[in-house]
Amino acid sequence: GSADNTNYRMPHSFGYRARTRKVYTRDPKRRGYIPSLSTYLAVYKVGDYVDVVVNPAEQRGLPYKYYQGRTGRVWSVTPRAVGVLINKRVRQRIMRKKVMIRVEHVRKSQCNADFLARVKHNEEVRKTGKGTPIKRVPTQPRGAMNVKVGKNAVVPLGSKKYNFAELFDY
């Protein structure tokens, strides 16, 4: 009847790309399918860290929406795609998911660039002995110093005798 609106509602979709209207949208100036040549010429090796950044113009090899923006490690390399190990939290456990993603949708991650730079620096310090120290040292106590008093006399701050009768008059 007219009170029942179930006949007029849009059907609910649970598809592979459901609720990705904003996630898979590029800004107007970057629309269209023009990936740079460096996208295809990038060399991925097993063990590299990669970020999953979907290019919505390329529908092939598209990862599921959960993996957008995630970082993982390469475990397999094929001519047009890379296999990426990504941690996914499912209720109370973390599962390591193996996902095959086309190269248009991944880029090399900078997540461990600082670590690699530190390792390189530490190796150089070990060889040459020059550079910032490798070991991290906790904050040390401040050094001793002399305080100039000038004309003012030094007033000792000793403990005062506590007299209960002066405080409370009974």
Protein backbone atom coordinates (compact mmCIF):
# COMPACT_ATOMS: atom_id res chain seq x y z
CA GLY A 1 0.00 0.00 0.00
CA SER A 2 0.88 3.67 0.13
CA ALA A 3 2.07 3.50 3.76
CA ASP A 4 4.59 0.79 2.90
CA ASN A 5 7.53 2.40 1.08
CA THR A 6 9.53 -0.81 0.57
CA ASN A 7 8.55 -0.93 -3.11
CA TYR A 8 10.04 2.50 -3.82
CA ARG A 9 13.39 2.26 -2.06
CA MET A 10 16.66 1.91 -3.93
CA PRO A 11 18.25 -1.52 -3.60
CA HIS A 12 21.21 -1.69 -1.24
CA SER A 13 24.46 -2.77 -2.86
CA PHE A 14 27.26 -4.69 -1.17
CA GLY A 15 29.56 -4.73 -4.19
CA TYR A 16 33.33 -4.75 -4.42
CA ARG A 17 33.44 -0.95 -4.83
CA ALA A 18 30.52 -0.10 -2.55
CA ARG A 19 30.86 3.18 -0.63
CA THR A 20 34.01 4.30 -2.48
CA ARG A 21 32.60 7.45 -4.07
CA LYS A 22 34.98 9.78 -2.20
CA VAL A 23 37.81 7.26 -1.68
CA TYR A 24 38.28 6.53 -5.38
CA THR A 25 37.83 10.12 -6.63
CA ARG A 26 40.75 12.20 -7.85
CA ASP A 27 40.75 15.98 -7.76
CA PRO A 28 39.59 17.58 -11.05
CA LYS A 29 43.07 18.58 -12.26
CA ARG A 30 44.38 15.02 -11.93
CA ARG A 31 41.46 13.22 -13.58
CA GLY A 32 41.98 10.97 -16.56
CA TYR A 33 44.37 8.11 -17.10
CA ILE A 34 47.89 9.46 -17.56
CA PRO A 35 50.25 7.57 -15.27
CA SER A 36 53.84 8.66 -15.59
CA LEU A 37 56.43 6.35 -17.09
CA SER A 38 58.19 6.13 -13.73
CA THR A 39 55.15 4.23 -12.43
CA TYR A 40 55.95 1.36 -14.78
CA LEU A 41 59.74 1.63 -14.58
CA ALA A 42 59.91 1.48 -10.77
CA VAL A 43 61.82 -1.59 -9.61
CA TYR A 44 60.18 -3.51 -6.78
CA LYS A 45 62.12 -6.18 -4.92
CA VAL A 46 60.91 -8.75 -2.41
CA GLY A 47 61.00 -7.17 1.04
CA ASP A 48 60.43 -3.57 -0.12
CA TYR A 49 57.85 -1.47 1.71
CA VAL A 50 55.08 -0.12 -0.53
CA ASP A 51 52.08 2.15 0.04
CA VAL A 52 48.79 1.17 -1.57
CA VAL A 53 47.44 4.30 -3.30
CA VAL A 54 44.63 3.49 -5.71
CA ASN A 55 44.54 5.09 -9.15
CA PRO A 56 40.78 4.94 -9.90
CA ALA A 57 41.34 5.47 -13.64
CA GLU A 58 42.89 1.98 -13.88
CA GLN A 59 40.26 -0.58 -12.92
CA ARG A 60 42.42 -3.64 -13.48
CA GLY A 61 44.38 -4.98 -10.51
CA LEU A 62 42.45 -2.75 -8.13
CA PRO A 63 42.76 -3.74 -4.46
CA TYR A 64 39.77 -3.90 -2.14
CA LYS A 65 38.87 -0.55 -0.51
CA TYR A 66 40.20 -1.59 2.92
CA TYR A 67 43.78 -1.61 1.61
CA GLN A 68 43.68 2.00 0.33
CA GLY A 69 46.35 3.99 2.19
CA ARG A 70 47.90 0.92 3.86
CA THR A 71 51.57 0.01 3.88
CA GLY A 72 52.84 -3.51 3.28
CA ARG A 73 55.85 -5.56 2.20
CA VAL A 74 56.39 -7.00 -1.25
CA TRP A 75 56.42 -10.82 -1.24
CA SER A 76 56.00 -11.47 -4.98
CA VAL A 77 56.87 -9.59 -8.17
CA THR A 78 55.25 -10.29 -11.57
CA PRO A 79 55.57 -8.34 -14.84
CA ARG A 80 52.58 -6.04 -14.17
CA ALA A 81 51.81 -6.49 -10.48
CA VAL A 82 53.31 -6.99 -7.06
CA GLY A 83 52.17 -9.20 -4.22
CA VAL A 84 51.90 -7.25 -0.98
CA LEU A 85 51.67 -8.57 2.58
CA ILE A 86 49.34 -6.30 4.56
CA ASN A 87 48.29 -6.65 8.19
CA LYS A 88 44.52 -6.61 8.67
CA ARG A 89 42.84 -6.55 12.05
CA VAL A 90 39.91 -8.97 12.19
CA ARG A 91 38.21 -8.71 15.58
CA GLN A 92 40.89 -9.57 18.15
CA ARG A 93 43.60 -10.92 15.84
CA ILE A 94 45.85 -9.46 13.15
CA MET A 95 45.89 -11.46 9.91
CA ARG A 96 48.63 -11.14 7.29
CA LYS A 97 46.81 -10.82 3.97
CA LYS A 98 48.50 -11.56 0.65
CA VAL A 99 47.14 -9.18 -1.98
CA MET A 100 48.16 -8.99 -5.65
CA ILE A 101 48.06 -5.34 -6.74
CA ARG A 102 48.86 -3.85 -10.12
CA VAL A 103 51.82 -1.41 -10.18
CA GLU A 104 49.55 1.58 -10.95
CA HIS A 105 48.12 1.26 -7.44
CA VAL A 106 51.36 1.07 -5.42
CA ARG A 107 54.29 3.37 -4.74
CA LYS A 108 57.51 2.94 -2.80
CA SER A 109 57.06 3.79 0.85
CA GLN A 110 59.21 6.19 2.83
CA CYS A 111 58.20 4.58 6.14
CA ASN A 112 61.67 3.25 6.93
CA ALA A 113 63.78 5.92 5.18
CA ASP A 114 64.83 7.48 8.50
CA PHE A 115 65.80 4.07 9.86
CA LEU A 116 67.93 3.27 6.80
CA ALA A 117 69.61 6.69 6.99
CA ARG A 118 70.41 6.08 10.66
CA VAL A 119 71.86 2.64 9.88
CA LYS A 120 74.05 4.16 7.15
CA HIS A 121 75.22 6.94 9.46
CA ASN A 122 76.00 4.49 12.28
CA GLU A 123 78.10 2.32 9.94
CA GLU A 124 80.03 5.41 8.86
CA VAL A 125 80.64 6.45 12.49
CA ARG A 126 81.89 2.94 13.32
CA LYS A 127 84.39 3.07 10.42
CA THR A 128 85.64 6.66 10.73
CA GLY A 129 84.79 7.55 14.34
CA LYS A 130 83.44 10.95 13.26
CA GLY A 131 79.85 12.20 13.49
CA THR A 132 77.15 12.30 16.14
CA PRO A 133 77.51 9.55 18.75
CA ILE A 134 75.65 6.32 18.04
CA LYS A 135 74.59 5.46 21.58
CA ARG A 136 71.66 7.41 22.96
CA VAL A 137 72.57 8.83 26.37
CA PRO A 138 69.92 9.92 28.89
CA THR A 139 69.90 13.56 30.01
CA GLN A 140 72.86 14.10 32.33
CA PRO A 141 72.75 16.18 35.55
CA ARG A 142 73.72 19.81 35.18
CA GLY A 143 77.30 20.76 35.96
CA ALA A 144 78.45 22.63 39.11
CA MET A 145 78.56 26.43 39.19
CA ASN A 146 79.47 29.28 41.54
CA VAL A 147 76.80 31.79 42.53
CA LYS A 148 77.95 35.39 43.18
CA VAL A 149 76.07 36.94 46.09
CA GLY A 150 77.26 40.54 45.83
CA LYS A 151 76.26 42.94 48.65
CA ASN A 152 73.37 40.83 49.94
CA ALA A 153 74.08 38.50 52.84
CA VAL A 154 73.27 34.82 52.55
CA VAL A 155 70.23 33.84 54.64
CA PRO A 156 70.29 30.19 55.76
CA LEU A 157 66.94 28.47 55.31
CA GLY A 158 66.96 26.01 58.20
CA SER A 159 63.96 24.30 59.77
CA LYS A 160 61.88 26.33 62.24
CA LYS A 161 60.91 24.93 65.62
CA TYR A 162 57.24 24.03 65.61
CA ASN A 163 55.32 25.48 68.52
CA PHE A 164 51.75 24.25 68.75
CA ALA A 165 50.73 26.82 71.40
CA GLU A 166 51.52 29.81 69.14
CA LEU A 167 49.24 28.54 66.38
CA PHE A 168 46.21 27.57 68.45
CA ASP A 169 45.31 29.71 71.46
CA TYR A 170 43.48 27.54 74.02
